[in-house]
C-alpha atoms as a PDB file:
ATOM      1  CA  MET A   1     -13.735 -48.704  11.095  1.00  0.00           C
ATOM      2  CA  LEU A   2     -16.332 -50.324  13.306  1.00  0.00           C
ATOM      3  CA  LYS A   3     -16.042 -49.661  17.013  1.00  0.00           C
ATOM      4  CA  GLN A   4     -17.679 -52.043  19.469  1.00  0.00           C
ATOM      5  CA  VAL A   5     -19.726 -50.103  22.027  1.00  0.00           C
ATOM      6  CA  ALA A   6     -21.453 -53.040  23.747  1.00  0.00           C
ATOM      7  CA  ASP A   7     -21.871 -56.783  23.380  1.00  0.00           C
ATOM      8  CA  GLY A   8     -22.934 -57.351  19.792  1.00  0.00           C
ATOM      9  CA  VAL A   9     -23.263 -53.650  18.941  1.00  0.00           C
ATOM     10  CA  TRP A  10     -20.816 -51.792  16.701  1.00  0.00           C
ATOM     11  CA  VAL A  11     -20.763 -48.232  15.345  1.00  0.00           C
ATOM     12  CA  ARG A  12     -19.012 -46.721  12.342  1.00  0.00           C
ATOM     13  CA  GLN A  13     -18.998 -42.933  12.069  1.00  0.00           C
ATOM     14  CA  SER A  14     -18.854 -41.040   8.787  1.00  0.00           C
ATOM     15  CA  ALA A  15     -17.392 -37.587   8.302  1.00  0.00           C
ATOM     16  CA  TRP A  16     -20.705 -36.296   6.888  1.00  0.00           C
ATOM     17  CA  VAL A  17     -22.494 -34.708   9.874  1.00  0.00           C
ATOM     18  CA  TRP A  18     -20.880 -37.311  12.148  1.00  0.00           C
ATOM     19  CA  SER A  19     -23.375 -39.930  10.923  1.00  0.00           C
ATOM     20  CA  ASN A  20     -23.422 -43.266  12.728  1.00  0.00           C
ATOM     21  CA  ALA A  21     -23.992 -46.560  10.948  1.00  0.00           C
ATOM     22  CA  ILE A  22     -24.905 -49.214  13.513  1.00  0.00           C
ATOM     23  CA  VAL A  23     -24.427 -52.973  13.379  1.00  0.00           C
ATOM     24  CA  VAL A  24     -26.334 -55.209  15.784  1.00  0.00           C
ATOM     25  CA  ARG A  25     -25.795 -58.928  16.168  1.00  0.00           C
ATOM     26  CA  GLY A  26     -29.106 -60.788  16.155  1.00  0.00           C
ATOM     27  CA  GLU A  27     -29.919 -64.462  16.539  1.00  0.00           C
ATOM     28  CA  ALA A  28     -29.456 -65.256  12.835  1.00  0.00           C
ATOM     29  CA  GLY A  29     -26.877 -62.664  11.827  1.00  0.00           C
ATOM     30  CA  LEU A  30     -26.304 -58.918  11.594  1.00  0.00           C
ATOM     31  CA  ILE A  31     -28.876 -56.133  11.431  1.00  0.00           C
ATOM     32  CA  LEU A  32     -27.788 -52.812   9.934  1.00  0.00           C
ATOM     33  CA  VAL A  33     -29.393 -49.712  11.400  1.00  0.00           C
ATOM     34  CA  ASP A  34     -29.168 -46.527   9.299  1.00  0.00           C
ATOM     35  CA  PRO A  35     -26.057 -47.483   7.275  1.00  0.00           C
ATOM     36  CA  GLY A  36     -24.373 -44.593   5.450  1.00  0.00           C
ATOM     37  CA  ILE A  37     -23.319 -42.197   4.160  1.00  0.00           C
ATOM     38  CA  ASP A  38     -21.504 -41.939   0.819  1.00  0.00           C
ATOM     39  CA  GLY A  39     -20.309 -44.740  -1.469  1.00  0.00           C
ATOM     40  CA  SER A  40     -16.879 -45.043   0.110  1.00  0.00           C
ATOM     41  CA  ASP A  41     -18.408 -45.228   3.602  1.00  0.00           C
ATOM     42  CA  LEU A  42     -20.801 -47.949   2.500  1.00  0.00           C
ATOM     43  CA  ASN A  43     -17.996 -49.931   0.861  1.00  0.00           C
ATOM     44  CA  GLU A  44     -15.780 -49.646   3.916  1.00  0.00           C
ATOM     45  CA  LEU A  45     -18.686 -50.691   6.129  1.00  0.00           C
ATOM     46  CA  ALA A  46     -19.112 -53.771   3.911  1.00  0.00           C
ATOM     47  CA  ASP A  47     -15.402 -54.540   4.420  1.00  0.00           C
ATOM     48  CA  ASP A  48     -15.892 -54.273   8.181  1.00  0.00           C
ATOM     49  CA  LEU A  49     -18.853 -56.638   7.996  1.00  0.00           C
ATOM     50  CA  ASP A  50     -16.794 -59.164   6.055  1.00  0.00           C
ATOM     51  CA  ARG A  51     -14.272 -59.146   8.891  1.00  0.00           C
ATOM     52  CA  LEU A  52     -17.015 -59.873  11.423  1.00  0.00           C
ATOM     53  CA  GLY A  53     -17.735 -63.047   9.484  1.00  0.00           C
ATOM     54  CA  LEU A  54     -21.506 -63.005   9.995  1.00  0.00           C
ATOM     55  CA  PRO A  55     -24.187 -62.507   7.335  1.00  0.00           C
ATOM     56  CA  VAL A  56     -26.397 -59.433   7.157  1.00  0.00           C
ATOM     57  CA  VAL A  57     -29.974 -60.636   7.666  1.00  0.00           C
ATOM     58  CA  ALA A  58     -31.938 -57.372   7.842  1.00  0.00           C
ATOM     59  CA  GLY A  59     -31.806 -53.610   7.862  1.00  0.00           C
ATOM     60  CA  PHE A  60     -33.729 -51.065   9.921  1.00  0.00           C
ATOM     61  CA  SER A  61     -34.339 -47.391   9.200  1.00  0.00           C
ATOM     62  CA  THR A  62     -35.063 -45.265  12.249  1.00  0.00           C
ATOM     63  CA  HIS A  63     -36.888 -42.657  10.159  1.00  0.00           C
ATOM     64  CA  PRO A  64     -37.592 -41.711   6.530  1.00  0.00           C
ATOM     65  CA  HIS A  65     -34.935 -39.050   5.903  1.00  0.00           C
ATOM     66  CA  TRP A  66     -32.626 -39.768   2.969  1.00  0.00           C
ATOM     67  CA  ASP A  67     -29.489 -40.271   5.045  1.00  0.00           C
ATOM     68  CA  HIS A  68     -31.225 -43.012   7.039  1.00  0.00           C
ATOM     69  CA  LEU A  69     -32.603 -44.864   4.015  1.00  0.00           C
ATOM     70  CA  LEU A  70     -29.369 -45.953   2.330  1.00  0.00           C
ATOM     71  CA  TRP A  71     -28.137 -49.377   1.310  1.00  0.00           C
ATOM     72  CA  HIS A  72     -25.396 -51.080  -0.720  1.00  0.00           C
ATOM     73  CA  PRO A  73     -25.452 -54.233  -2.879  1.00  0.00           C
ATOM     74  CA  ARG A  74     -22.676 -55.748  -0.776  1.00  0.00           C
ATOM     75  CA  PHE A  75     -25.014 -55.813   2.236  1.00  0.00           C
ATOM     76  CA  GLY A  76     -27.203 -58.295   0.377  1.00  0.00           C
ATOM     77  CA  ASP A  77     -30.779 -58.481  -0.820  1.00  0.00           C
ATOM     78  CA  VAL A  78     -32.348 -58.831   2.612  1.00  0.00           C
ATOM     79  CA  PRO A  79     -35.478 -57.343   4.209  1.00  0.00           C
ATOM     80  CA  ARG A  80     -35.159 -53.702   5.190  1.00  0.00           C
ATOM     81  CA  TYR A  81     -37.645 -52.452   7.739  1.00  0.00           C
ATOM     82  CA  ALA A  82     -39.074 -49.279   9.255  1.00  0.00           C
ATOM     83  CA  THR A  83     -42.144 -48.517  11.325  1.00  0.00           C
ATOM     84  CA  PRO A  84     -45.350 -48.720   9.266  1.00  0.00           C
ATOM     85  CA  ALA A  85     -45.617 -44.924   9.184  1.00  0.00           C
ATOM     86  CA  GLY A  86     -41.935 -44.598   8.340  1.00  0.00           C
ATOM     87  CA  ALA A  87     -42.171 -47.134   5.523  1.00  0.00           C
ATOM     88  CA  HIS A  88     -45.238 -45.420   4.052  1.00  0.00           C
ATOM     89  CA  THR A  89     -43.542 -42.026   4.119  1.00  0.00           C
ATOM     90  CA  ALA A  90     -40.316 -43.424   2.644  1.00  0.00           C
ATOM     91  CA  LYS A  91     -42.263 -44.852  -0.292  1.00  0.00           C
ATOM     92  CA  GLN A  92     -44.021 -41.548  -0.941  1.00  0.00           C
ATOM     93  CA  ALA A  93     -40.841 -39.488  -0.660  1.00  0.00           C
ATOM     94  CA  ARG A  94     -38.450 -41.876  -2.415  1.00  0.00           C
ATOM     95  CA  GLU A  95     -37.744 -39.703  -5.446  1.00  0.00           C
ATOM     96  CA  ARG A  96     -37.100 -36.685  -3.240  1.00  0.00           C
ATOM     97  CA  ALA A  97     -34.755 -38.745  -1.062  1.00  0.00           C
ATOM     98  CA  GLN A  98     -32.847 -39.855  -4.154  1.00  0.00           C
ATOM     99  CA  ARG A  99     -32.442 -36.248  -5.311  1.00  0.00           C
ATOM    100  CA  MET A 100     -31.232 -35.115  -1.900  1.00  0.00           C
ATOM    101  CA  ALA A 101     -28.763 -37.989  -1.684  1.00  0.00           C
ATOM    102  CA  ALA A 102     -27.368 -37.212  -5.125  1.00  0.00           C
ATOM    103  CA  GLU A 103     -26.897 -33.567  -4.130  1.00  0.00           C
ATOM    104  CA  SER A 104     -25.356 -34.295  -0.730  1.00  0.00           C
ATOM    105  CA  ALA A 105     -22.974 -37.237  -1.174  1.00  0.00           C
ATOM    106  CA  SER A 106     -21.213 -39.250  -3.852  1.00  0.00           C
ATOM    107  CA  GLY A 107     -21.234 -42.860  -4.931  1.00  0.00           C
ATOM    108  CA  ILE A 108     -24.534 -43.737  -3.270  1.00  0.00           C
ATOM    109  CA  PRO A 109     -26.524 -46.535  -4.974  1.00  0.00           C
ATOM    110  CA  LEU A 110     -29.547 -44.303  -5.578  1.00  0.00           C
ATOM    111  CA  GLU A 111     -31.704 -47.176  -6.804  1.00  0.00           C
ATOM    112  CA  LEU A 112     -31.512 -48.802  -3.342  1.00  0.00           C
ATOM    113  CA  ILE A 113     -32.657 -45.773  -1.363  1.00  0.00           C
ATOM    114  CA  GLY A 114     -35.845 -46.093   0.648  1.00  0.00           C
ATOM    115  CA  LEU A 115     -36.729 -49.708  -0.146  1.00  0.00           C
ATOM    116  CA  VAL A 116     -38.129 -50.376   3.313  1.00  0.00           C
ATOM    117  CA  THR A 117     -41.233 -52.264   4.387  1.00  0.00           C
ATOM    118  CA  PRO A 118     -43.232 -52.186   7.639  1.00  0.00           C
ATOM    119  CA  LEU A 119     -41.652 -54.094  10.483  1.00  0.00           C
ATOM    120  CA  PRO A 120     -43.665 -57.325  10.906  1.00  0.00           C
ATOM    121  CA  ALA A 121     -45.308 -58.390  14.117  1.00  0.00           C
ATOM    122  CA  ASP A 122     -42.482 -60.839  14.837  1.00  0.00           C
ATOM    123  CA  ALA A 123     -39.928 -58.002  14.332  1.00  0.00           C
ATOM    124  CA  GLY A 124     -38.284 -59.773  11.384  1.00  0.00           C
ATOM    125  CA  GLY A 125     -35.186 -60.618  13.372  1.00  0.00           C
ATOM    126  CA  VAL A 126     -34.641 -57.034  14.574  1.00  0.00           C
ATOM    127  CA  PRO A 127     -33.790 -57.391  18.273  1.00  0.00           C
ATOM    128  CA  GLY A 128     -34.944 -55.184  21.109  1.00  0.00           C
ATOM    129  CA  GLU A 129     -37.948 -52.931  21.603  1.00  0.00           C
ATOM    130  CA  ILE A 130     -39.054 -50.355  19.032  1.00  0.00           C
ATOM    131  CA  VAL A 131     -39.799 -47.016  20.707  1.00  0.00           C
ATOM    132  CA  GLU A 132     -41.861 -45.061  18.179  1.00  0.00           C
ATOM    133  CA  HIS A 133     -42.727 -41.381  18.537  1.00  0.00           C
ATOM    134  CA  GLN A 134     -43.751 -38.370  16.456  1.00  0.00           C
ATOM    135  CA  ALA A 135     -40.781 -36.018  16.868  1.00  0.00           C
ATOM    136  CA  HIS A 136     -38.441 -34.981  14.038  1.00  0.00           C
ATOM    137  CA  ALA A 137     -39.946 -37.254  11.357  1.00  0.00           C
ATOM    138  CA  VAL A 138     -43.032 -39.345  10.672  1.00  0.00           C
ATOM    139  CA  GLY A 139     -42.675 -42.824  12.134  1.00  0.00           C
ATOM    140  CA  HIS A 140     -39.417 -42.060  13.932  1.00  0.00           C
ATOM    141  CA  ALA A 141     -38.285 -44.910  16.173  1.00  0.00           C
ATOM    142  CA  ALA A 142     -35.498 -45.633  18.598  1.00  0.00           C
ATOM    143  CA  VAL A 143     -34.377 -49.195  19.298  1.00  0.00           C
ATOM    144  CA  LEU A 144     -33.976 -50.216  22.928  1.00  0.00           C
ATOM    145  CA  LEU A 145     -31.557 -53.110  23.435  1.00  0.00           C
ATOM    146  CA  ALA A 146     -32.195 -53.405  27.152  1.00  0.00           C
ATOM    147  CA  ASP A 147     -30.360 -56.718  27.531  1.00  0.00           C
ATOM    148  CA  ARG A 148     -27.196 -55.021  26.250  1.00  0.00           C
ATOM    149  CA  GLY A 149     -27.771 -51.664  27.939  1.00  0.00           C
ATOM    150  CA  VAL A 150     -27.936 -49.744  24.643  1.00  0.00           C
ATOM    151  CA  LEU A 151     -30.396 -47.259  23.151  1.00  0.00           C
ATOM    152  CA  LEU A 152     -30.183 -46.503  19.423  1.00  0.00           C
ATOM    153  CA  ALA A 153     -31.802 -43.067  19.321  1.00  0.00           C
ATOM    154  CA  GLY A 154     -31.971 -42.121  15.642  1.00  0.00           C
ATOM    155  CA  ASP A 155     -31.894 -38.347  15.148  1.00  0.00           C
ATOM    156  CA  MET A 156     -32.444 -37.580  18.825  1.00  0.00           C
ATOM    157  CA  LEU A 157     -30.169 -36.934  21.804  1.00  0.00           C
ATOM    158  CA  SER A 158     -27.157 -35.802  19.806  1.00  0.00           C
ATOM    159  CA  ASP A 159     -24.230 -33.828  21.149  1.00  0.00           C
ATOM    160  CA  VAL A 160     -23.847 -31.990  17.814  1.00  0.00           C
ATOM    161  CA  LEU A 161     -27.436 -31.513  16.597  1.00  0.00           C
ATOM    162  CA  ILE A 162     -30.070 -29.469  18.350  1.00  0.00           C
ATOM    163  CA  PRO A 163     -33.603 -30.908  18.352  1.00  0.00           C
ATOM    164  CA  LEU A 164     -34.810 -30.582  14.762  1.00  0.00           C
ATOM    165  CA  LEU A 165     -38.565 -30.111  14.472  1.00  0.00           C
ATOM    166  CA  ASP A 166     -40.527 -31.289  11.433  1.00  0.00           C
ATOM    167  CA  PRO A 167     -41.825 -28.094   9.749  1.00  0.00           C
ATOM    168  CA  ARG A 168     -44.496 -30.041   7.838  1.00  0.00           C
ATOM    169  CA  ARG A 169     -46.416 -31.158  10.924  1.00  0.00           C
ATOM    170  CA  PRO A 170     -48.270 -29.235  13.634  1.00  0.00           C
ATOM    171  CA  ASP A 171     -47.330 -28.924  17.293  1.00  0.00           C
ATOM    172  CA  GLN A 172     -43.890 -30.460  16.977  1.00  0.00           C
ATOM    173  CA  VAL A 173     -42.788 -28.841  20.238  1.00  0.00           C
ATOM    174  CA  SER A 174     -45.282 -30.907  22.223  1.00  0.00           C
ATOM    175  CA  ALA A 175     -44.515 -33.980  20.119  1.00  0.00           C
ATOM    176  CA  TYR A 176     -40.832 -33.556  20.884  1.00  0.00           C
ATOM    177  CA  LYS A 177     -41.461 -33.260  24.617  1.00  0.00           C
ATOM    178  CA  THR A 178     -43.545 -36.442  24.555  1.00  0.00           C
ATOM    179  CA  ALA A 179     -40.816 -38.197  22.585  1.00  0.00           C
ATOM    180  CA  LEU A 180     -38.163 -37.146  25.085  1.00  0.00           C
ATOM    181  CA  ASP A 181     -40.310 -38.460  27.929  1.00  0.00           C
ATOM    182  CA  ARG A 182     -40.562 -41.831  26.153  1.00  0.00           C
ATOM    183  CA  LEU A 183     -36.855 -41.914  25.416  1.00  0.00           C
ATOM    184  CA  GLY A 184     -36.129 -40.967  29.006  1.00  0.00           C
ATOM    185  CA  GLU A 185     -38.017 -44.040  30.184  1.00  0.00           C
ATOM    186  CA  ALA A 186     -36.048 -46.196  27.764  1.00  0.00           C
ATOM    187  CA  ALA A 187     -32.746 -44.592  28.761  1.00  0.00           C
ATOM    188  CA  GLY A 188     -33.335 -45.710  32.337  1.00  0.00           C
ATOM    189  CA  HIS A 189     -32.426 -49.220  31.149  1.00  0.00           C
ATOM    190  CA  VAL A 190     -29.141 -48.361  29.426  1.00  0.00           C
ATOM    191  CA  ASP A 191     -25.665 -46.985  29.942  1.00  0.00           C
ATOM    192  CA  VAL A 192     -24.827 -46.526  26.254  1.00  0.00           C
ATOM    193  CA  LEU A 193     -26.656 -44.201  23.861  1.00  0.00           C
ATOM    194  CA  VAL A 194     -25.966 -44.140  20.117  1.00  0.00           C
ATOM    195  CA  PRO A 195     -27.404 -41.100  18.313  1.00  0.00           C
ATOM    196  CA  GLY A 196     -27.812 -40.909  14.555  1.00  0.00           C
ATOM    197  CA  HIS A 197     -25.230 -38.131  14.480  1.00  0.00           C
ATOM    198  CA  GLY A 198     -22.474 -37.344  16.953  1.00  0.00           C
ATOM    199  CA  ALA A 199     -20.557 -39.089  19.685  1.00  0.00           C
ATOM    200  CA  VAL A 200     -21.716 -42.209  21.497  1.00  0.00           C
ATOM    201  CA  ALA A 201     -22.755 -41.320  25.065  1.00  0.00           C
ATOM    202  CA  GLU A 202     -21.877 -43.507  28.008  1.00  0.00           C
ATOM    203  CA  GLY A 203     -22.735 -43.423  31.706  1.00  0.00           C
ATOM    204  CA  ALA A 204     -23.746 -40.014  33.048  1.00  0.00           C
ATOM    205  CA  GLU A 205     -23.542 -38.501  29.558  1.00  0.00           C
ATOM    206  CA  VAL A 206     -26.774 -40.315  28.627  1.00  0.00           C
ATOM    207  CA  ALA A 207     -28.749 -38.293  31.181  1.00  0.00           C
ATOM    208  CA  ALA A 208     -26.888 -35.144  30.130  1.00  0.00           C
ATOM    209  CA  ARG A 209     -28.068 -35.602  26.525  1.00  0.00           C
ATOM    210  CA  LEU A 210     -31.664 -35.928  27.687  1.00  0.00           C
ATOM    211  CA  ALA A 211     -31.316 -32.860  29.890  1.00  0.00           C
ATOM    212  CA  ALA A 212     -29.877 -30.774  27.047  1.00  0.00           C
ATOM    213  CA  ASP A 213     -32.720 -31.625  24.661  1.00  0.00           C
ATOM    214  CA  HIS A 214     -35.339 -31.084  27.372  1.00  0.00           C
ATOM    215  CA  ALA A 215     -33.855 -27.667  28.155  1.00  0.00           C
ATOM    216  CA  TYR A 216     -33.918 -26.649  24.493  1.00  0.00           C
ATOM    217  CA  ILE A 217     -37.531 -27.761  24.011  1.00  0.00           C
ATOM    218  CA  ASP A 218     -38.674 -26.233  27.315  1.00  0.00           C
ATOM    219  CA  ALA A 219     -37.216 -22.882  26.255  1.00  0.00           C
ATOM    220  CA  LEU A 220     -39.153 -23.065  22.973  1.00  0.00           C
ATOM    221  CA  ARG A 221     -42.355 -23.857  24.879  1.00  0.00           C
ATOM    222  CA  ARG A 222     -41.848 -20.800  27.091  1.00  0.00           C
ATOM    223  CA  GLY A 223     -41.158 -18.551  24.126  1.00  0.00           C
ATOM    224  CA  MET A 224     -37.563 -17.996  25.204  1.00  0.00           C
ATOM    225  CA  GLU A 225     -34.253 -18.220  23.366  1.00  0.00           C
ATOM    226  CA  PRO A 226     -32.571 -21.546  24.286  1.00  0.00           C
ATOM    227  CA  VAL A 227     -29.102 -21.426  25.793  1.00  0.00           C
ATOM    228  CA  ASP A 228     -27.378 -24.373  24.149  1.00  0.00           C
ATOM    229  CA  ALA A 229     -23.699 -24.966  23.424  1.00  0.00           C
ATOM    230  CA  ARG A 230     -24.606 -26.745  20.180  1.00  0.00           C
ATOM    231  CA  LEU A 231     -25.799 -23.428  18.748  1.00  0.00           C
ATOM    232  CA  GLY A 232     -22.169 -22.349  18.532  1.00  0.00           C
ATOM    233  CA  GLN A 233     -22.087 -24.129  15.163  1.00  0.00           C
ATOM    234  CA  ASP A 234     -22.968 -21.551  12.521  1.00  0.00           C
ATOM    235  CA  TRP A 235     -24.622 -24.074  10.204  1.00  0.00           C
ATOM    236  CA  LEU A 236     -27.346 -24.715  12.794  1.00  0.00           C
ATOM    237  CA  ALA A 237     -28.537 -21.103  12.686  1.00  0.00           C
ATOM    238  CA  GLY A 238     -31.065 -21.851   9.929  1.00  0.00           C
ATOM    239  CA  PRO A 239     -32.622 -24.936  11.557  1.00  0.00           C
ATOM    240  CA  HIS A 240     -32.709 -23.126  14.903  1.00  0.00           C
ATOM    241  CA  GLN A 241     -34.551 -20.167  13.375  1.00  0.00           C
ATOM    242  CA  SER A 242     -37.038 -22.592  11.817  1.00  0.00           C
ATOM    243  CA  ASN A 243     -37.607 -24.140  15.249  1.00  0.00           C
ATOM    244  CA  LEU A 244     -38.250 -20.716  16.774  1.00  0.00           C
ATOM    245  CA  GLU A 245     -40.803 -19.861  14.092  1.00  0.00           C
ATOM    246  CA  LEU A 246     -42.573 -23.209  14.446  1.00  0.00           C
ATOM    247  CA  ALA A 247     -42.774 -22.778  18.209  1.00  0.00           C
ATOM    248  CA  ARG A 248     -44.097 -19.245  17.802  1.00  0.00           C
ATOM    249  CA  HIS A 249     -46.816 -20.360  15.365  1.00  0.00           C
ATOM    250  CA  SER A 250     -47.816 -23.212  17.664  1.00  0.00           C
ATOM    251  CA  ALA A 251     -48.290 -20.791  20.527  1.00  0.00           C
ATOM    252  CA  GLU A 252     -50.551 -18.444  18.523  1.00  0.00           C
END
């Protein structure tokens, strides 16, 4: 069920890695940000949208990973956007995204995955400011809704996920630090933070999320083992080890 977190901003969380589908009210209707995850989630999200009584006018993908490239016929045949770099990567990796989706969830309309185009100069009805950076995925972007005090952070600033570096690109540790600095500037305008995965942060928790990710990245930069409560989840051991190796190679 959708939960309103600010004026004209709703979130629906899936069981799969605590994924957040976000609905934003724009001038002409609703914009869906990273809707997911499996077929039942997408159907139930469509039911929630019907109850809002406003049309879906656009979609936005924060980054080109399969779980942020999903769609459903009930949302309508409307423009779906990403940053130019994100859209280009999504097109190149579409078949891989479809395979990963089929392996990870059920009932997903595979034919609708990754059909995103570059966000136009007039933003295509997507409200707020796009905060693009190079951490985690090519063309990753947060959406700053400063007038509503909300930052949609994509796969950053989560209470359940550690920073996840992109193993295919060089110097991700520095890229992540730069991204956190940019997001920190944006977060100065908000009191609600919606990550791609995990709980919505409010008030002082927003700064705490930033501090936790900074501490993790700073430890990697110093060649030290991060002390992070999120590492208590066994399934993050593999991604964490990958981060350590990437940081080590970057320092060589």
